[in-house]
Amino acid sequence: MERLAFFLRTALTLALMSTGAIALSVVALLTAFRLPRFYRETVVAALGEWTLALWNVRFVVHQDRPFPQTQTIYISNHTSTIDMFVLIALRLPNARFFLSGFLRKLLPLGLIGYLIGIFWTVPQSLPEKRTEIFKRAARTLRQTGESVYLSPEGERVTSGEIGHFNKGAFHLATNLKLPIVPFFIVVPREADPGKGLNARAGTVHVYVKPAIDTSSWKFEDLIANKERIRAMFIDWNKEHRS
């Protein structure tokens, strides 16, 4: 019965994503593709909420102030497939996302990503292409004034530890001089599917941390800043998983 429930939920998730992609396409056509923020914070956010509900996953946000309405870079840890659905359900104000280019091959996600302006990344083994992607993203964000989310963790770590941090988020922050708002996501072990899809019922907690000023950051301090922020995540991991 458990396996049957898994396959049924997986099929329903695919159907939901496909239906959402079609609905979003219709809305985009009717609005001449001019309202990406509306697409992200209504249709796509609802898809995230419905998908979590389908898998009996709730999420609770712990914050002492609303997300900023000004241009911001958001970062978080990344340990589970659940993270992606929680992130889009958060309705981060006027925020675009970086996602692995691998997901673009999944037709519903690829179409949704195109319509909401996802920045698709490539593996670390292609450094020149990654550099060009981040340069292009910086130019776009400077022009549009949009915020952006990306995870500095290059690989999901299922052991509960904080993984290696990539430089992209910190290079972007140094380039654009935008504040970083970090948040720490805690997926309970009994609900965590890791890299898979078989999530179980549980409550995800999102702890929003104070903004980090990057206005004085310099490129020569990039590695030091990256490791300093990673150390914060290591401390938060101990705090929120103890």
Protein backbone atom coordinates (compact mmCIF):
# COMPACT_ATOMS: atom_id res chain seq x y z
CA MET A 1 0.00 0.00 0.00
CA GLU A 2 2.84 2.37 0.77
CA ARG A 3 4.39 1.80 -2.66
CA LEU A 4 1.01 2.23 -4.34
CA ALA A 5 0.48 5.52 -2.48
CA PHE A 6 3.92 6.71 -3.61
CA PHE A 7 3.22 6.00 -7.29
CA LEU A 8 -0.21 7.59 -7.04
CA ARG A 9 1.18 10.76 -5.47
CA THR A 10 3.99 10.88 -8.03
CA ALA A 11 1.48 10.60 -10.88
CA LEU A 12 -0.71 13.29 -9.32
CA THR A 13 2.31 15.56 -8.86
CA LEU A 14 3.22 15.19 -12.54
CA ALA A 15 -0.39 15.85 -13.52
CA LEU A 16 -0.49 18.92 -11.27
CA MET A 17 2.75 20.29 -12.73
CA SER A 18 1.55 19.66 -16.28
CA THR A 19 -1.81 21.29 -15.64
CA GLY A 20 -0.07 24.20 -13.94
CA ALA A 21 2.27 24.66 -16.88
CA ILE A 22 -0.68 24.77 -19.29
CA ALA A 23 -2.62 27.18 -17.08
CA LEU A 24 0.41 29.41 -16.67
CA SER A 25 0.96 29.42 -20.45
CA VAL A 26 -2.63 30.58 -21.00
CA VAL A 27 -2.29 33.32 -18.39
CA ALA A 28 1.04 34.42 -19.90
CA LEU A 29 -0.48 34.59 -23.38
CA LEU A 30 -3.44 36.62 -22.13
CA THR A 31 -1.09 39.06 -20.40
CA ALA A 32 1.43 39.20 -23.28
CA PHE A 33 4.16 37.62 -21.09
CA ARG A 34 4.51 40.92 -19.21
CA LEU A 35 3.72 39.90 -15.62
CA PRO A 36 6.42 37.45 -14.48
CA ARG A 37 6.08 38.54 -10.86
CA PHE A 38 2.36 37.75 -10.94
CA TYR A 39 3.11 34.33 -12.46
CA ARG A 40 5.68 33.53 -9.76
CA GLU A 41 3.75 34.77 -6.74
CA THR A 42 0.32 33.44 -7.70
CA VAL A 43 0.21 30.48 -10.09
CA VAL A 44 3.62 28.99 -9.32
CA ALA A 45 3.42 29.66 -5.58
CA ALA A 46 0.05 27.90 -5.52
CA LEU A 47 1.58 24.93 -7.36
CA GLY A 48 4.21 24.72 -4.63
CA GLU A 49 1.59 24.79 -1.88
CA TRP A 50 -0.63 22.21 -3.58
CA THR A 51 2.29 19.87 -4.21
CA LEU A 52 3.33 20.03 -0.56
CA ALA A 53 -0.26 19.41 0.51
CA LEU A 54 -0.42 16.41 -1.81
CA TRP A 55 2.53 14.88 0.07
CA ASN A 56 1.12 15.95 3.47
CA VAL A 57 3.99 18.36 4.07
CA ARG A 58 3.39 21.63 5.92
CA PHE A 59 5.84 24.49 6.33
CA VAL A 60 6.19 27.13 9.00
CA VAL A 61 8.16 30.35 8.49
CA HIS A 62 9.92 31.84 11.50
CA GLN A 63 10.73 35.52 10.92
CA ASP A 64 10.60 38.71 12.95
CA ARG A 65 9.96 40.94 9.93
CA PRO A 66 8.49 40.57 6.43
CA PHE A 67 10.69 39.76 3.46
CA PRO A 68 12.12 43.03 2.07
CA GLN A 69 10.40 44.68 -0.86
CA THR A 70 13.73 46.07 -2.07
CA GLN A 71 16.15 44.17 -4.31
CA THR A 72 17.71 41.32 -2.35
CA ILE A 73 19.69 38.13 -2.77
CA TYR A 74 18.21 35.18 -0.89
CA ILE A 75 20.22 32.09 -0.03
CA SER A 76 19.56 28.93 1.98
CA ASN A 77 20.84 25.46 2.66
CA HIS A 78 19.60 22.74 0.32
CA THR A 79 19.20 19.18 1.51
CA SER A 80 15.98 17.87 0.02
CA THR A 81 13.72 17.80 -3.03
CA ILE A 82 11.09 19.33 -0.75
CA ASP A 83 13.13 22.55 -0.61
CA MET A 84 12.18 23.55 -4.15
CA PHE A 85 8.44 23.46 -3.44
CA VAL A 86 8.82 25.29 -0.14
CA LEU A 87 10.89 27.99 -1.82
CA ILE A 88 8.33 28.78 -4.50
CA ALA A 89 5.53 28.67 -1.92
CA LEU A 90 7.30 31.35 0.16
CA ARG A 91 6.29 34.03 -2.37
CA LEU A 92 9.58 35.88 -2.10
CA PRO A 93 8.81 39.42 -3.31
CA ASN A 94 9.68 40.00 -6.97
CA ALA A 95 12.28 37.21 -6.87
CA ARG A 96 13.66 35.05 -9.65
CA PHE A 97 15.42 31.73 -9.05
CA PHE A 98 18.52 29.85 -10.06
CA LEU A 99 17.88 26.15 -10.71
CA SER A 100 19.88 23.27 -12.11
CA GLY A 101 19.66 23.10 -15.90
CA PHE A 102 18.93 19.39 -15.52
CA LEU A 103 15.39 20.26 -14.41
CA ARG A 104 14.79 22.09 -17.68
CA LYS A 105 14.63 18.69 -19.38
CA LEU A 106 11.46 17.89 -17.43
CA LEU A 107 8.91 19.46 -19.75
CA PRO A 108 6.44 20.95 -17.22
CA LEU A 109 9.27 22.43 -15.13
CA GLY A 110 11.13 23.64 -18.21
CA LEU A 111 8.07 25.48 -19.51
CA ILE A 112 7.24 26.95 -16.10
CA GLY A 113 10.88 28.01 -15.69
CA TYR A 114 10.87 29.77 -19.05
CA LEU A 115 7.71 31.70 -18.21
CA ILE A 116 8.90 32.90 -14.80
CA GLY A 117 12.48 33.70 -15.83
CA ILE A 118 14.54 30.98 -14.18
CA PHE A 119 18.32 31.29 -14.47
CA TRP A 120 19.38 27.76 -15.45
CA THR A 121 22.80 26.68 -14.23
CA VAL A 122 25.28 24.13 -15.53
CA PRO A 123 27.55 21.76 -13.53
CA GLN A 124 30.70 22.99 -11.80
CA SER A 125 32.66 21.00 -14.38
CA LEU A 126 31.79 23.75 -16.89
CA PRO A 127 33.28 26.82 -15.18
CA GLU A 128 33.36 29.07 -18.25
CA LYS A 129 29.67 28.51 -18.96
CA ARG A 130 28.80 29.05 -15.30
CA THR A 131 30.72 32.33 -15.29
CA GLU A 132 28.84 33.53 -18.35
CA ILE A 133 25.49 32.54 -16.81
CA PHE A 134 26.23 34.57 -13.66
CA LYS A 135 27.48 37.55 -15.65
CA ARG A 136 24.31 37.52 -17.73
CA ALA A 137 22.18 37.18 -14.60
CA ALA A 138 23.95 40.15 -13.00
CA ARG A 139 23.27 42.30 -16.07
CA THR A 140 19.62 41.24 -16.10
CA LEU A 141 19.08 41.86 -12.39
CA ARG A 142 20.76 45.25 -12.57
CA GLN A 143 18.33 46.23 -15.34
CA THR A 144 15.14 44.79 -13.85
CA GLY A 145 15.71 45.49 -10.15
CA GLU A 146 14.40 42.01 -9.32
CA SER A 147 15.52 39.98 -6.33
CA VAL A 148 16.91 36.48 -6.74
CA TYR A 149 17.21 33.22 -4.84
CA LEU A 150 19.99 30.67 -5.16
CA SER A 151 21.53 28.04 -2.94
CA PRO A 152 25.31 28.16 -2.47
CA GLU A 153 25.39 24.45 -1.57
CA GLY A 154 26.61 22.73 -4.70
CA GLU A 155 25.38 19.28 -3.72
CA ARG A 156 22.60 18.24 -1.41
CA VAL A 157 24.00 16.60 1.70
CA THR A 158 21.70 13.98 3.18
CA SER A 159 23.85 13.40 6.27
CA GLY A 160 22.52 16.54 7.94
CA GLU A 161 25.81 18.41 7.49
CA ILE A 162 26.37 21.63 5.56
CA GLY A 163 28.04 20.93 2.25
CA HIS A 164 30.63 22.81 0.22
CA PHE A 165 29.59 26.33 -0.79
CA ASN A 166 29.98 27.51 -4.38
CA LYS A 167 31.07 31.07 -5.13
CA GLY A 168 28.21 32.14 -7.42
CA ALA A 169 25.88 33.71 -4.86
CA PHE A 170 28.70 35.66 -3.23
CA HIS A 171 30.16 36.80 -6.54
CA LEU A 172 26.70 38.05 -7.49
CA ALA A 173 26.29 39.89 -4.18
CA THR A 174 29.73 41.48 -4.50
CA ASN A 175 29.00 42.55 -8.06
CA LEU A 176 25.54 44.01 -7.38
CA LYS A 177 26.21 45.25 -3.80
CA LEU A 178 22.89 43.80 -2.68
CA PRO A 179 22.08 42.58 0.83
CA ILE A 180 21.90 38.84 1.38
CA VAL A 181 18.96 37.47 3.36
CA PRO A 182 19.77 33.90 4.42
CA PHE A 183 17.31 31.40 5.70
CA PHE A 184 17.80 27.95 7.13
CA ILE A 185 15.46 25.14 6.08
CA VAL A 186 14.90 22.21 8.42
CA VAL A 187 13.20 19.17 6.89
CA PRO A 188 12.40 16.54 9.55
CA ARG A 189 14.24 13.28 9.01
CA GLU A 190 11.03 11.24 8.93
CA ALA A 191 9.70 13.37 6.05
CA ASP A 192 12.92 13.99 4.13
CA PRO A 193 13.11 12.21 0.75
CA GLY A 194 16.68 13.43 0.17
CA LYS A 195 17.27 13.52 -3.57
CA GLY A 196 14.17 11.43 -4.26
CA LEU A 197 10.45 12.16 -4.35
CA ASN A 198 9.11 9.91 -1.62
CA ALA A 199 8.35 12.59 0.94
CA ARG A 200 6.36 11.66 4.01
CA ALA A 201 4.09 13.69 6.22
CA GLY A 202 5.86 16.30 8.33
CA THR A 203 6.42 19.98 9.01
CA VAL A 204 9.28 21.92 7.43
CA HIS A 205 10.60 24.89 9.38
CA VAL A 206 12.10 27.92 7.60
CA TYR A 207 14.17 30.21 9.84
CA VAL A 208 14.70 33.62 8.24
CA LYS A 209 17.93 35.26 9.43
CA PRO A 210 18.94 38.95 9.55
CA ALA A 211 20.11 40.57 6.32
CA ILE A 212 23.84 40.65 5.63
CA ASP A 213 25.25 43.93 4.29
CA THR A 214 27.54 43.43 1.28
CA SER A 215 28.00 47.07 0.27
CA SER A 216 31.68 47.01 1.25
CA TRP A 217 32.48 43.56 -0.13
CA LYS A 218 35.40 43.29 -2.55
CA PHE A 219 36.18 40.53 -5.04
CA GLU A 220 39.53 39.82 -3.40
CA ASP A 221 37.61 38.86 -0.23
CA LEU A 222 35.22 36.54 -2.07
CA ILE A 223 36.49 33.27 -0.59
CA ALA A 224 36.71 34.70 2.92
CA ASN A 225 33.14 36.03 2.73
CA LYS A 226 31.90 32.72 1.34
CA GLU A 227 33.46 30.75 4.18
CA ARG A 228 32.25 33.25 6.78
CA ILE A 229 28.65 32.79 5.63
CA ARG A 230 29.10 29.02 5.46
CA ALA A 231 30.27 29.10 9.09
CA MET A 232 26.99 30.81 9.98
CA PHE A 233 25.06 27.99 8.32
CA ILE A 234 27.10 25.42 10.24
CA ASP A 235 26.18 27.17 13.49
CA TRP A 236 22.51 27.36 12.48
CA ASN A 237 22.59 23.68 11.58
CA LYS A 238 23.75 22.86 15.11
CA GLU A 239 21.19 25.22 16.62
CA HIS A 240 18.11 24.11 14.69
CA ARG A 241 18.85 20.40 14.43
CA SER A 242 19.86 19.86 18.06
